Amino acid sequence: MADTNTKESKPGFFKTVGIEFKKIVWPSRESVLKQSVAVTVIAIVVGILITIFDFFIQYGVNFITQ
């Protein structure tokens, strides 16, 4: 077990946050723009596919129930 009489000084919370914040590697503006466009396009395509599937499922259910 460690000796409880000796205490190591701990850096303050905000000092630690500052140190960790300096380690962050921020993406370039071009990279963020490309990824944003990709996410938007994929979201639109998936939305269209869900709409098409919903239409066919609704048509099938209506055909069976009538």
PDB file of N, CA and C in Angstrom:
ATOM      1  N   MET A   1       0.831  -1.184   0.000  1.00  0.00           N
ATOM      2  CA  MET A   1       0.000   0.000   0.000  1.00  0.00           C
ATOM      3  C   MET A   1       0.877   1.249   0.000  1.00  0.00           C
ATOM      4  N   ALA A   2       0.330   2.289  -0.517  1.00  0.00           N
ATOM      5  CA  ALA A   2       1.077   3.537  -0.580  1.00  0.00           C
ATOM      6  C   ALA A   2       1.057   4.209   0.783  1.00  0.00           C
ATOM      7  N   ASP A   3       2.045   5.009   1.015  1.00  0.00           N
ATOM      8  CA  ASP A   3       2.130   5.753   2.258  1.00  0.00           C
ATOM      9  C   ASP A   3       1.109   6.877   2.222  1.00  0.00           C
ATOM     10  N   THR A   4       0.223   6.918   3.190  1.00  0.00           N
ATOM     11  CA  THR A   4      -0.854   7.909   3.192  1.00  0.00           C
ATOM     12  C   THR A   4      -0.385   9.269   3.673  1.00  0.00           C
ATOM     13  N   ASN A   5       0.821   9.349   4.225  1.00  0.00           N
ATOM     14  CA  ASN A   5       1.309  10.625   4.742  1.00  0.00           C
ATOM     15  C   ASN A   5       1.811  11.545   3.641  1.00  0.00           C
ATOM     16  N   THR A   6       2.227  10.980   2.499  1.00  0.00           N
ATOM     17  CA  THR A   6       2.732  11.819   1.417  1.00  0.00           C
ATOM     18  C   THR A   6       1.634  12.028   0.392  1.00  0.00           C
ATOM     19  N   LYS A   7       1.406  13.268   0.057  1.00  0.00           N
ATOM     20  CA  LYS A   7       0.385  13.598  -0.938  1.00  0.00           C
ATOM     21  C   LYS A   7       1.050  14.250  -2.135  1.00  0.00           C
ATOM     22  N   GLU A   8       0.628  13.817  -3.312  1.00  0.00           N
ATOM     23  CA  GLU A   8       1.125  14.442  -4.526  1.00  0.00           C
ATOM     24  C   GLU A   8       0.212  15.608  -4.871  1.00  0.00           C
ATOM     25  N   SER A   9       0.781  16.680  -5.365  1.00  0.00           N
ATOM     26  CA  SER A   9      -0.062  17.818  -5.731  1.00  0.00           C
ATOM     27  C   SER A   9      -0.772  17.501  -7.038  1.00  0.00           C
ATOM     28  N   LYS A  10      -2.054  17.727  -7.032  1.00  0.00           N
ATOM     29  CA  LYS A  10      -2.858  17.471  -8.227  1.00  0.00           C
ATOM     30  C   LYS A  10      -3.138  18.797  -8.914  1.00  0.00           C
ATOM     31  N   PRO A  11      -3.043  18.819 -10.244  1.00  0.00           N
ATOM     32  CA  PRO A  11      -3.367  20.074 -10.936  1.00  0.00           C
ATOM     33  C   PRO A  11      -4.863  20.349 -10.824  1.00  0.00           C
ATOM     34  N   GLY A  12      -5.215  21.614 -10.891  1.00  0.00           N
ATOM     35  CA  GLY A  12      -6.612  22.004 -10.810  1.00  0.00           C
ATOM     36  C   GLY A  12      -7.398  21.511 -12.012  1.00  0.00           C
ATOM     37  N   PHE A  13      -8.700  21.480 -11.851  1.00  0.00           N
ATOM     38  CA  PHE A  13      -9.589  20.982 -12.903  1.00  0.00           C
ATOM     39  C   PHE A  13      -9.415  21.773 -14.196  1.00  0.00           C
ATOM     40  N   PHE A  14      -9.447  23.086 -14.101  1.00  0.00           N
ATOM     41  CA  PHE A  14      -9.390  23.911 -15.303  1.00  0.00           C
ATOM     42  C   PHE A  14      -8.015  23.851 -15.967  1.00  0.00           C
ATOM     43  N   LYS A  15      -6.974  23.666 -15.185  1.00  0.00           N
ATOM     44  CA  LYS A  15      -5.644  23.518 -15.769  1.00  0.00           C
ATOM     45  C   LYS A  15      -5.580  22.216 -16.567  1.00  0.00           C
ATOM     46  N   THR A  16      -6.159  21.158 -16.009  1.00  0.00           N
ATOM     47  CA  THR A  16      -6.199  19.873 -16.710  1.00  0.00           C
ATOM     48  C   THR A  16      -7.029  19.974 -17.985  1.00  0.00           C
ATOM     49  N   VAL A  17      -8.147  20.667 -17.915  1.00  0.00           N
ATOM     50  CA  VAL A  17      -8.984  20.849 -19.101  1.00  0.00           C
ATOM     51  C   VAL A  17      -8.202  21.613 -20.172  1.00  0.00           C
ATOM     52  N   GLY A  18      -7.459  22.625 -19.779  1.00  0.00           N
ATOM     53  CA  GLY A  18      -6.654  23.388 -20.730  1.00  0.00           C
ATOM     54  C   GLY A  18      -5.595  22.526 -21.399  1.00  0.00           C
ATOM     55  N   ILE A  19      -4.965  21.653 -20.607  1.00  0.00           N
ATOM     56  CA  ILE A  19      -3.947  20.765 -21.173  1.00  0.00           C
ATOM     57  C   ILE A  19      -4.573  19.816 -22.181  1.00  0.00           C
ATOM     58  N   GLU A  20      -5.704  19.228 -21.828  1.00  0.00           N
ATOM     59  CA  GLU A  20      -6.381  18.294 -22.737  1.00  0.00           C
ATOM     60  C   GLU A  20      -6.912  19.016 -23.974  1.00  0.00           C
ATOM     61  N   PHE A  21      -7.365  20.248 -23.799  1.00  0.00           N
ATOM     62  CA  PHE A  21      -7.909  21.017 -24.919  1.00  0.00           C
ATOM     63  C   PHE A  21      -6.833  21.281 -25.970  1.00  0.00           C
ATOM     64  N   LYS A  22      -5.591  21.444 -25.535  1.00  0.00           N
ATOM     65  CA  LYS A  22      -4.486  21.681 -26.474  1.00  0.00           C
ATOM     66  C   LYS A  22      -4.159  20.431 -27.288  1.00  0.00           C
ATOM     67  N   LYS A  23      -4.577  19.255 -26.828  1.00  0.00           N
ATOM     68  CA  LYS A  23      -4.295  18.007 -27.535  1.00  0.00           C
ATOM     69  C   LYS A  23      -5.289  17.744 -28.670  1.00  0.00           C
ATOM     70  N   ILE A  24      -6.369  18.504 -28.723  1.00  0.00           N
ATOM     71  CA  ILE A  24      -7.407  18.289 -29.734  1.00  0.00           C
ATOM     72  C   ILE A  24      -6.861  18.649 -31.112  1.00  0.00           C
ATOM     73  N   VAL A  25      -7.121  17.781 -32.084  1.00  0.00           N
ATOM     74  CA  VAL A  25      -6.751  18.060 -33.473  1.00  0.00           C
ATOM     75  C   VAL A  25      -8.041  18.410 -34.208  1.00  0.00           C
ATOM     76  N   TRP A  26      -8.203  19.668 -34.531  1.00  0.00           N
ATOM     77  CA  TRP A  26      -9.427  20.124 -35.176  1.00  0.00           C
ATOM     78  C   TRP A  26      -9.379  19.811 -36.670  1.00  0.00           C
ATOM     79  N   PRO A  27     -10.523  19.392 -37.244  1.00  0.00           N
ATOM     80  CA  PRO A  27     -10.548  19.112 -38.685  1.00  0.00           C
ATOM     81  C   PRO A  27     -10.498  20.417 -39.481  1.00  0.00           C
ATOM     82  N   SER A  28     -10.067  20.291 -40.730  1.00  0.00           N
ATOM     83  CA  SER A  28     -10.008  21.480 -41.579  1.00  0.00           C
ATOM     84  C   SER A  28     -11.415  21.856 -42.031  1.00  0.00           C
ATOM     85  N   ARG A  29     -11.545  23.078 -42.486  1.00  0.00           N
ATOM     86  CA  ARG A  29     -12.843  23.572 -42.955  1.00  0.00           C
ATOM     87  C   ARG A  29     -13.331  22.735 -44.134  1.00  0.00           C
ATOM     88  N   GLU A  30     -12.400  22.367 -45.015  1.00  0.00           N
ATOM     89  CA  GLU A  30     -12.748  21.568 -46.199  1.00  0.00           C
ATOM     90  C   GLU A  30     -13.274  20.191 -45.783  1.00  0.00           C
ATOM     91  N   SER A  31     -12.638  19.586 -44.800  1.00  0.00           N
ATOM     92  CA  SER A  31     -13.057  18.273 -44.321  1.00  0.00           C
ATOM     93  C   SER A  31     -14.460  18.341 -43.700  1.00  0.00           C
ATOM     94  N   VAL A  32     -14.701  19.357 -42.908  1.00  0.00           N
ATOM     95  CA  VAL A  32     -16.019  19.522 -42.281  1.00  0.00           C
ATOM     96  C   VAL A  32     -17.086  19.724 -43.351  1.00  0.00           C
ATOM     97  N   LEU A  33     -16.783  20.510 -44.371  1.00  0.00           N
ATOM     98  CA  LEU A  33     -17.744  20.764 -45.444  1.00  0.00           C
ATOM     99  C   LEU A  33     -18.065  19.475 -46.197  1.00  0.00           C
ATOM    100  N   LYS A  34     -17.036  18.689 -46.537  1.00  0.00           N
ATOM    101  CA  LYS A  34     -17.261  17.427 -47.254  1.00  0.00           C
ATOM    102  C   LYS A  34     -18.104  16.462 -46.428  1.00  0.00           C
ATOM    103  N   GLN A  35     -17.791  16.345 -45.151  1.00  0.00           N
ATOM    104  CA  GLN A  35     -18.533  15.429 -44.295  1.00  0.00           C
ATOM    105  C   GLN A  35     -19.969  15.894 -44.093  1.00  0.00           C
ATOM    106  N   SER A  36     -20.178  17.195 -43.987  1.00  0.00           N
ATOM    107  CA  SER A  36     -21.535  17.729 -43.833  1.00  0.00           C
ATOM    108  C   SER A  36     -22.378  17.455 -45.074  1.00  0.00           C
ATOM    109  N   VAL A  37     -21.784  17.643 -46.250  1.00  0.00           N
ATOM    110  CA  VAL A  37     -22.494  17.360 -47.495  1.00  0.00           C
ATOM    111  C   VAL A  37     -22.822  15.877 -47.590  1.00  0.00           C
ATOM    112  N   ALA A  38     -21.872  15.023 -47.229  1.00  0.00           N
ATOM    113  CA  ALA A  38     -22.102  13.575 -47.280  1.00  0.00           C
ATOM    114  C   ALA A  38     -23.237  13.171 -46.351  1.00  0.00           C
ATOM    115  N   VAL A  39     -23.262  13.693 -45.143  1.00  0.00           N
ATOM    116  CA  VAL A  39     -24.319  13.361 -44.188  1.00  0.00           C
ATOM    117  C   VAL A  39     -25.671  13.843 -44.698  1.00  0.00           C
ATOM    118  N   THR A  40     -25.724  15.048 -45.263  1.00  0.00           N
ATOM    119  CA  THR A  40     -26.984  15.584 -45.777  1.00  0.00           C
ATOM    120  C   THR A  40     -27.500  14.744 -46.942  1.00  0.00           C
ATOM    121  N   VAL A  41     -26.628  14.384 -47.867  1.00  0.00           N
ATOM    122  CA  VAL A  41     -27.040  13.586 -49.024  1.00  0.00           C
ATOM    123  C   VAL A  41     -27.535  12.210 -48.575  1.00  0.00           C
ATOM    124  N   ILE A  42     -26.805  11.584 -47.667  1.00  0.00           N
ATOM    125  CA  ILE A  42     -27.208  10.261 -47.190  1.00  0.00           C
ATOM    126  C   ILE A  42     -28.546  10.344 -46.463  1.00  0.00           C
ATOM    127  N   ALA A  43     -28.760  11.371 -45.670  1.00  0.00           N
ATOM    128  CA  ALA A  43     -30.030  11.537 -44.963  1.00  0.00           C
ATOM    129  C   ALA A  43     -31.191  11.694 -45.948  1.00  0.00           C
ATOM    130  N   ILE A  44     -30.974  12.457 -47.014  1.00  0.00           N
ATOM    131  CA  ILE A  44     -32.027  12.650 -48.015  1.00  0.00           C
ATOM    132  C   ILE A  44     -32.322  11.337 -48.735  1.00  0.00           C
ATOM    133  N   VAL A  45     -31.280  10.604 -49.130  1.00  0.00           N
ATOM    134  CA  VAL A  45     -31.475   9.325 -49.828  1.00  0.00           C
ATOM    135  C   VAL A  45     -32.202   8.328 -48.942  1.00  0.00           C
ATOM    136  N   VAL A  46     -31.806   8.217 -47.688  1.00  0.00           N
ATOM    137  CA  VAL A  46     -32.477   7.290 -46.766  1.00  0.00           C
ATOM    138  C   VAL A  46     -33.928   7.717 -46.556  1.00  0.00           C
ATOM    139  N   GLY A  47     -34.180   9.009 -46.461  1.00  0.00           N
ATOM    140  CA  GLY A  47     -35.555   9.501 -46.324  1.00  0.00           C
ATOM    141  C   GLY A  47     -36.407   9.131 -47.527  1.00  0.00           C
ATOM    142  N   ILE A  48     -35.850   9.251 -48.712  1.00  0.00           N
ATOM    143  CA  ILE A  48     -36.579   8.881 -49.934  1.00  0.00           C
ATOM    144  C   ILE A  48     -36.854   7.374 -49.946  1.00  0.00           C
ATOM    145  N   LEU A  49     -35.855   6.556 -49.586  1.00  0.00           N
ATOM    146  CA  LEU A  49     -36.055   5.103 -49.552  1.00  0.00           C
ATOM    147  C   LEU A  49     -37.133   4.705 -48.544  1.00  0.00           C
ATOM    148  N   ILE A  50     -37.126   5.323 -47.379  1.00  0.00           N
ATOM    149  CA  ILE A  50     -38.158   5.024 -46.374  1.00  0.00           C
ATOM    150  C   ILE A  50     -39.528   5.421 -46.896  1.00  0.00           C
ATOM    151  N   THR A  51     -39.625   6.546 -47.598  1.00  0.00           N
ATOM    152  CA  THR A  51     -40.902   6.981 -48.164  1.00  0.00           C
ATOM    153  C   THR A  51     -41.405   5.980 -49.201  1.00  0.00           C
ATOM    154  N   ILE A  52     -40.516   5.498 -50.044  1.00  0.00           N
ATOM    155  CA  ILE A  52     -40.902   4.516 -51.074  1.00  0.00           C
ATOM    156  C   ILE A  52     -41.360   3.214 -50.428  1.00  0.00           C
ATOM    157  N   PHE A  53     -40.575   2.711 -49.454  1.00  0.00           N
ATOM    158  CA  PHE A  53     -40.969   1.475 -48.760  1.00  0.00           C
ATOM    159  C   PHE A  53     -42.310   1.653 -48.057  1.00  0.00           C
ATOM    160  N   ASP A  54     -42.521   2.806 -47.432  1.00  0.00           N
ATOM    161  CA  ASP A  54     -43.779   3.074 -46.740  1.00  0.00           C
ATOM    162  C   ASP A  54     -44.940   3.066 -47.723  1.00  0.00           C
ATOM    163  N   PHE A  55     -44.738   3.646 -48.910  1.00  0.00           N
ATOM    164  CA  PHE A  55     -45.800   3.666 -49.916  1.00  0.00           C
ATOM    165  C   PHE A  55     -46.184   2.241 -50.326  1.00  0.00           C
ATOM    166  N   PHE A  56     -45.185   1.403 -50.599  1.00  0.00           N
ATOM    167  CA  PHE A  56     -45.480   0.032 -51.021  1.00  0.00           C
ATOM    168  C   PHE A  56     -46.108  -0.785 -49.895  1.00  0.00           C
ATOM    169  N   ILE A  57     -45.652  -0.607 -48.674  1.00  0.00           N
ATOM    170  CA  ILE A  57     -46.247  -1.330 -47.554  1.00  0.00           C
ATOM    171  C   ILE A  57     -47.683  -0.878 -47.341  1.00  0.00           C
ATOM    172  N   GLN A  58     -47.930   0.412 -47.428  1.00  0.00           N
ATOM    173  CA  GLN A  58     -49.290   0.933 -47.286  1.00  0.00           C
ATOM    174  C   GLN A  58     -50.181   0.404 -48.404  1.00  0.00           C
ATOM    175  N   TYR A  59     -49.674   0.371 -49.613  1.00  0.00           N
ATOM    176  CA  TYR A  59     -50.441  -0.156 -50.739  1.00  0.00           C
ATOM    177  C   TYR A  59     -50.755  -1.640 -50.498  1.00  0.00           C
ATOM    178  N   GLY A  60     -49.778  -2.405 -50.029  1.00  0.00           N
ATOM    179  CA  GLY A  60     -49.988  -3.829 -49.773  1.00  0.00           C
ATOM    180  C   GLY A  60     -51.009  -4.071 -48.677  1.00  0.00           C
ATOM    181  N   VAL A  61     -50.938  -3.313 -47.607  1.00  0.00           N
ATOM    182  CA  VAL A  61     -51.894  -3.467 -46.501  1.00  0.00           C
ATOM    183  C   VAL A  61     -53.290  -3.091 -46.970  1.00  0.00           C
ATOM    184  N   ASN A  62     -53.407  -2.018 -47.714  1.00  0.00           N
ATOM    185  CA  ASN A  62     -54.731  -1.608 -48.233  1.00  0.00           C
ATOM    186  C   ASN A  62     -55.279  -2.657 -49.193  1.00  0.00           C
ATOM    187  N   PHE A  63     -54.417  -3.262 -50.011  1.00  0.00           N
ATOM    188  CA  PHE A  63     -54.866  -4.292 -50.952  1.00  0.00           C
ATOM    189  C   PHE A  63     -55.381  -5.521 -50.193  1.00  0.00           C
ATOM    190  N   ILE A  64     -54.678  -5.900 -49.119  1.00  0.00           N
ATOM    191  CA  ILE A  64     -55.085  -7.081 -48.344  1.00  0.00           C
ATOM    192  C   ILE A  64     -56.373  -6.825 -47.562  1.00  0.00           C
ATOM    193  N   THR A  65     -56.537  -5.648 -46.999  1.00  0.00           N
ATOM    194  CA  THR A  65     -57.693  -5.377 -46.138  1.00  0.00           C
ATOM    195  C   THR A  65     -58.950  -5.017 -46.919  1.00  0.00           C
ATOM    196  N   GLN A  66     -58.865  -4.725 -48.187  1.00  0.00           N
ATOM    197  CA  GLN A  66     -60.083  -4.362 -48.924  1.00  0.00           C
ATOM    198  C   GLN A  66     -60.623  -5.505 -49.726  1.00  0.00           C
TER     199      GLN A  66
END
